[in-house]
Amino acid sequence: MSRRTIQILVPLVVLGLAGTYFISQNSGQKSGEQTKARLELVWPSLTAMPGIDRALVGGFAVTCHLDEQPAEAAGVVACLRQAAAKPDAIRPKDMDQAQASARLETLISQAQDK
């Protein structure tokens, strides 16, 4: 490979990597905003919830790809319940599947009572 070819390829590779980074960052931010907006359909005071509960619903939201679901409360609940049924779902540390599923049902029940 000639020196001239390397001088052209290196900047192109750097530009390609930088572009990929910025596109990925933007996509991730958009996904996070969509997920939060959908969770707030069920829990309008999501940011005021205890950290463990936010971690629980957030982990389930990531597991079921909540950002790709319709923006409706019933769909949010269904998606989270689907994730809770998966043994490999993202859950807070020290919380097994049964505990996480039970806590999710409690949070859903509390939200529906309001």
Protein backbone atom coordinates (compact mmCIF):
# COMPACT_ATOMS: atom_id res chain seq x y z
CA MET A 1 0.00 0.00 0.00
CA SER A 2 1.43 3.35 -0.94
CA ARG A 3 1.95 6.23 1.43
CA ARG A 4 -0.58 8.30 -0.53
CA THR A 5 -3.27 5.63 -0.09
CA ILE A 6 -2.65 5.55 3.65
CA GLN A 7 -2.87 9.35 3.83
CA ILE A 8 -6.31 9.16 2.25
CA LEU A 9 -7.63 6.10 4.12
CA VAL A 10 -6.73 7.18 7.65
CA PRO A 11 -8.79 10.41 7.61
CA LEU A 12 -11.68 8.58 5.95
CA VAL A 13 -11.67 5.91 8.67
CA VAL A 14 -11.49 8.56 11.41
CA LEU A 15 -14.40 10.47 9.85
CA GLY A 16 -16.40 7.27 9.51
CA LEU A 17 -15.84 6.34 13.15
CA ALA A 18 -16.71 9.86 14.34
CA GLY A 19 -19.89 9.84 12.26
CA THR A 20 -20.91 6.47 13.60
CA TYR A 21 -20.31 7.67 17.17
CA PHE A 22 -22.49 10.76 16.77
CA ILE A 23 -25.28 8.87 15.01
CA SER A 24 -25.27 6.20 17.74
CA GLN A 25 -25.29 8.81 20.49
CA ASN A 26 -28.22 10.64 18.93
CA SER A 27 -30.14 7.40 18.43
CA GLY A 28 -29.56 6.34 22.03
CA GLN A 29 -30.69 9.68 23.37
CA LYS A 30 -33.86 9.56 21.27
CA SER A 31 -34.59 6.01 22.42
CA GLY A 32 -34.15 7.02 26.06
CA GLU A 33 -36.48 9.99 25.69
CA GLN A 34 -39.14 7.82 24.04
CA THR A 35 -38.86 5.20 26.77
CA LYS A 36 -39.18 7.81 29.51
CA ALA A 37 -42.21 9.40 27.82
CA ARG A 38 -43.94 6.03 27.58
CA LEU A 39 -43.22 5.17 31.22
CA GLU A 40 -44.64 8.55 32.24
CA LEU A 41 -47.96 7.55 30.63
CA VAL A 42 -48.34 5.08 33.50
CA TRP A 43 -46.25 6.87 36.15
CA PRO A 44 -46.42 10.65 35.55
CA SER A 45 -44.13 11.21 38.54
CA LEU A 46 -41.55 8.70 37.32
CA THR A 47 -38.60 10.88 38.38
CA ALA A 48 -39.96 11.05 41.94
CA MET A 49 -40.11 7.26 42.30
CA PRO A 50 -37.53 5.56 44.52
CA GLY A 51 -34.38 4.60 42.63
CA ILE A 52 -34.99 0.87 42.95
CA ASP A 53 -38.43 1.22 41.35
CA ARG A 54 -37.06 3.38 38.50
CA ALA A 55 -34.34 0.78 37.96
CA LEU A 56 -36.95 -1.97 37.87
CA VAL A 57 -39.27 -0.35 35.32
CA GLY A 58 -36.29 0.97 33.35
CA GLY A 59 -34.71 -2.45 33.12
CA PHE A 60 -37.95 -4.04 32.02
CA ALA A 61 -38.48 -1.20 29.52
CA VAL A 62 -35.09 -1.91 27.95
CA THR A 63 -35.77 -5.65 27.93
CA CYS A 64 -39.06 -5.31 26.05
CA HIS A 65 -37.86 -2.46 23.77
CA LEU A 66 -40.52 -0.10 25.11
CA ASP A 67 -39.30 2.70 22.85
CA GLU A 68 -40.53 0.68 19.86
CA GLN A 69 -44.03 0.13 21.31
CA PRO A 70 -47.08 2.35 20.74
CA ALA A 71 -47.36 5.30 23.11
CA GLU A 72 -50.34 4.08 25.12
CA ALA A 73 -50.58 3.16 28.80
CA ALA A 74 -52.04 -0.32 28.19
CA GLY A 75 -49.22 -1.13 25.77
CA VAL A 76 -46.62 0.06 28.28
CA VAL A 77 -48.04 -2.21 30.98
CA ALA A 78 -48.25 -5.18 28.61
CA CYS A 79 -44.66 -4.67 27.46
CA LEU A 80 -43.34 -4.47 31.03
CA ARG A 81 -45.27 -7.57 32.06
CA GLN A 82 -43.85 -9.41 29.07
CA ALA A 83 -40.34 -8.45 30.16
CA ALA A 84 -41.04 -9.46 33.76
CA ALA A 85 -41.87 -12.96 32.57
CA LYS A 86 -38.45 -13.40 30.97
CA PRO A 87 -35.81 -15.06 33.16
CA ASP A 88 -33.06 -13.00 31.51
CA ALA A 89 -34.80 -9.63 31.94
CA ILE A 90 -32.78 -6.69 33.23
CA ARG A 91 -33.55 -6.33 36.95
CA PRO A 92 -32.03 -4.47 39.89
CA LYS A 93 -29.23 -6.24 41.71
CA ASP A 94 -30.32 -8.62 44.45
CA MET A 95 -33.87 -8.87 43.05
CA ASP A 96 -34.89 -12.23 41.63
CA GLN A 97 -37.50 -12.71 38.94
CA ALA A 98 -40.37 -13.42 41.35
CA GLN A 99 -39.59 -10.37 43.49
CA ALA A 100 -39.24 -8.14 40.43
CA SER A 101 -42.51 -9.36 38.92
CA ALA A 102 -44.34 -8.88 42.22
CA ARG A 103 -42.94 -5.36 42.64
CA LEU A 104 -43.94 -4.46 39.08
CA GLU A 105 -47.51 -5.61 39.76
CA THR A 106 -47.58 -3.50 42.94
CA LEU A 107 -46.37 -0.43 41.04
CA ILE A 108 -48.94 -1.00 38.27
CA SER A 109 -51.70 -1.42 40.83
CA GLN A 110 -50.68 1.77 42.65
CA ALA A 111 -50.61 3.70 39.37
CA GLN A 112 -54.05 2.47 38.37
CA ASP A 113 -55.52 3.38 41.77
CA LYS A 114 -54.57 7.04 41.30
